[in-house]
Amino acid sequence: MGLDDKISNAAEEAKGKVKESAGKATDDERLEREGKADQASANIKQAGENVKDAFK
């Protein structure tokens, strides 16, 4: 897994956490759900990259 991928996944997860927190703070359920979805997406990508690394 390249460093660029790791940074990209970490940035996407951080963005999701910010969205989720902002959604909670403003009672915006849609924004909160988007944040959780962004985090889940980043975690899935990270898991896929970890599997690739395990077979190198």
N, C-alpha and C. Protein backbone atom coordinates (compact mmCIF):
# COMPACT_ATOMS: atom_id res chain seq x y z
N MET A 1 0.85 -1.17 0.00
CA MET A 1 0.00 0.00 0.00
C MET A 1 0.89 1.22 0.00
N GLY A 2 0.58 2.13 -0.88
CA GLY A 2 1.39 3.32 -0.97
C GLY A 2 1.05 4.33 0.10
N LEU A 3 2.00 5.16 0.36
CA LEU A 3 1.81 6.22 1.36
C LEU A 3 0.66 7.14 0.96
N ASP A 4 0.54 7.39 -0.34
CA ASP A 4 -0.55 8.25 -0.82
C ASP A 4 -1.91 7.67 -0.46
N ASP A 5 -2.06 6.34 -0.59
CA ASP A 5 -3.32 5.69 -0.25
C ASP A 5 -3.61 5.81 1.23
N LYS A 6 -2.60 5.62 2.04
CA LYS A 6 -2.78 5.72 3.50
C LYS A 6 -3.22 7.12 3.88
N ILE A 7 -2.59 8.12 3.30
CA ILE A 7 -2.93 9.51 3.60
C ILE A 7 -4.34 9.83 3.12
N SER A 8 -4.67 9.36 1.94
CA SER A 8 -6.00 9.60 1.39
C SER A 8 -7.09 8.97 2.26
N ASN A 9 -6.87 7.74 2.68
CA ASN A 9 -7.85 7.06 3.53
C ASN A 9 -7.98 7.75 4.89
N ALA A 10 -6.86 8.16 5.45
CA ALA A 10 -6.90 8.86 6.74
C ALA A 10 -7.62 10.20 6.62
N ALA A 11 -7.39 10.89 5.51
CA ALA A 11 -8.05 12.18 5.29
C ALA A 11 -9.56 11.99 5.13
N GLU A 12 -9.95 10.93 4.41
CA GLU A 12 -11.37 10.67 4.22
C GLU A 12 -12.04 10.32 5.55
N GLU A 13 -11.35 9.55 6.36
CA GLU A 13 -11.90 9.19 7.67
C GLU A 13 -12.03 10.43 8.56
N ALA A 14 -11.01 11.29 8.54
CA ALA A 14 -11.05 12.52 9.34
C ALA A 14 -12.18 13.43 8.88
N LYS A 15 -12.36 13.53 7.57
CA LYS A 15 -13.45 14.34 7.02
C LYS A 15 -14.80 13.80 7.50
N GLY A 16 -14.91 12.48 7.53
CA GLY A 16 -16.14 11.87 8.01
C GLY A 16 -16.40 12.16 9.47
N LYS A 17 -15.35 12.14 10.27
CA LYS A 17 -15.51 12.44 11.70
C LYS A 17 -15.95 13.88 11.90
N VAL A 18 -15.39 14.78 11.12
CA VAL A 18 -15.78 16.19 11.22
C VAL A 18 -17.25 16.36 10.83
N LYS A 19 -17.65 15.71 9.74
CA LYS A 19 -19.05 15.80 9.31
C LYS A 19 -19.98 15.24 10.37
N GLU A 20 -19.61 14.09 10.92
CA GLU A 20 -20.45 13.46 11.94
C GLU A 20 -20.58 14.38 13.15
N SER A 21 -19.47 14.94 13.60
CA SER A 21 -19.50 15.83 14.76
C SER A 21 -20.33 17.08 14.48
N ALA A 22 -20.16 17.63 13.29
CA ALA A 22 -20.94 18.82 12.93
C ALA A 22 -22.42 18.49 12.87
N GLY A 23 -22.74 17.32 12.35
CA GLY A 23 -24.14 16.90 12.29
C GLY A 23 -24.74 16.74 13.68
N LYS A 24 -23.97 16.15 14.60
CA LYS A 24 -24.46 16.00 15.97
C LYS A 24 -24.65 17.35 16.64
N ALA A 25 -23.70 18.25 16.42
CA ALA A 25 -23.75 19.56 17.06
C ALA A 25 -24.92 20.40 16.57
N THR A 26 -25.30 20.22 15.32
CA THR A 26 -26.38 21.03 14.73
C THR A 26 -27.68 20.25 14.59
N ASP A 27 -27.72 19.04 15.11
CA ASP A 27 -28.89 18.17 14.98
C ASP A 27 -29.28 17.94 13.52
N ASP A 28 -28.27 17.86 12.66
CA ASP A 28 -28.48 17.59 11.24
C ASP A 28 -28.20 16.10 11.00
N GLU A 29 -29.27 15.31 10.99
CA GLU A 29 -29.12 13.86 10.86
C GLU A 29 -28.49 13.46 9.52
N ARG A 30 -28.81 14.19 8.46
CA ARG A 30 -28.27 13.87 7.15
C ARG A 30 -26.75 14.02 7.15
N LEU A 31 -26.26 15.11 7.71
CA LEU A 31 -24.82 15.35 7.77
C LEU A 31 -24.13 14.31 8.65
N GLU A 32 -24.78 13.96 9.73
CA GLU A 32 -24.23 12.94 10.62
C GLU A 32 -24.12 11.60 9.90
N ARG A 33 -25.16 11.23 9.15
CA ARG A 33 -25.13 9.97 8.38
C ARG A 33 -24.05 10.00 7.31
N GLU A 34 -23.91 11.15 6.63
CA GLU A 34 -22.85 11.28 5.61
C GLU A 34 -21.48 11.07 6.23
N GLY A 35 -21.27 11.64 7.40
CA GLY A 35 -20.00 11.48 8.09
C GLY A 35 -19.71 10.03 8.43
N LYS A 36 -20.72 9.34 8.92
CA LYS A 36 -20.55 7.92 9.24
C LYS A 36 -20.27 7.12 7.98
N ALA A 37 -20.94 7.46 6.89
CA ALA A 37 -20.72 6.76 5.62
C ALA A 37 -19.31 7.00 5.10
N ASP A 38 -18.82 8.23 5.21
CA ASP A 38 -17.46 8.54 4.78
C ASP A 38 -16.44 7.73 5.58
N GLN A 39 -16.68 7.62 6.89
CA GLN A 39 -15.76 6.86 7.74
C GLN A 39 -15.79 5.39 7.37
N ALA A 40 -16.97 4.85 7.13
CA ALA A 40 -17.09 3.44 6.77
C ALA A 40 -16.39 3.17 5.44
N SER A 41 -16.56 4.07 4.50
CA SER A 41 -15.92 3.92 3.20
C SER A 41 -14.40 3.92 3.33
N ALA A 42 -13.88 4.82 4.13
CA ALA A 42 -12.43 4.88 4.34
C ALA A 42 -11.93 3.62 5.02
N ASN A 43 -12.69 3.12 5.98
CA ASN A 43 -12.28 1.90 6.68
C ASN A 43 -12.29 0.69 5.77
N ILE A 44 -13.26 0.61 4.87
CA ILE A 44 -13.32 -0.50 3.92
C ILE A 44 -12.14 -0.43 2.96
N LYS A 45 -11.84 0.77 2.47
CA LYS A 45 -10.68 0.92 1.57
C LYS A 45 -9.39 0.53 2.29
N GLN A 46 -9.26 0.95 3.54
CA GLN A 46 -8.07 0.63 4.32
C GLN A 46 -7.94 -0.87 4.52
N ALA A 47 -9.05 -1.54 4.81
CA ALA A 47 -9.03 -2.99 5.00
C ALA A 47 -8.62 -3.70 3.71
N GLY A 48 -9.11 -3.23 2.59
CA GLY A 48 -8.73 -3.81 1.30
C GLY A 48 -7.25 -3.64 1.02
N GLU A 49 -6.73 -2.49 1.35
CA GLU A 49 -5.30 -2.25 1.15
C GLU A 49 -4.47 -3.12 2.09
N ASN A 50 -4.96 -3.33 3.31
CA ASN A 50 -4.23 -4.19 4.25
C ASN A 50 -4.18 -5.63 3.76
N VAL A 51 -5.27 -6.09 3.14
CA VAL A 51 -5.28 -7.43 2.57
C VAL A 51 -4.26 -7.54 1.44
N LYS A 52 -4.23 -6.53 0.60
CA LYS A 52 -3.24 -6.51 -0.50
C LYS A 52 -1.83 -6.59 0.05
N ASP A 53 -1.56 -5.81 1.11
CA ASP A 53 -0.22 -5.79 1.71
C ASP A 53 0.13 -7.14 2.30
N ALA A 54 -0.84 -7.85 2.84
CA ALA A 54 -0.57 -9.14 3.47
C ALA A 54 -0.11 -10.17 2.45
N PHE A 55 -0.52 -10.02 1.20
CA PHE A 55 -0.18 -11.00 0.17
C PHE A 55 1.01 -10.58 -0.68
N LYS A 56 1.69 -9.52 -0.30
CA LYS A 56 2.88 -9.09 -1.05
C LYS A 56 4.08 -9.87 -0.63
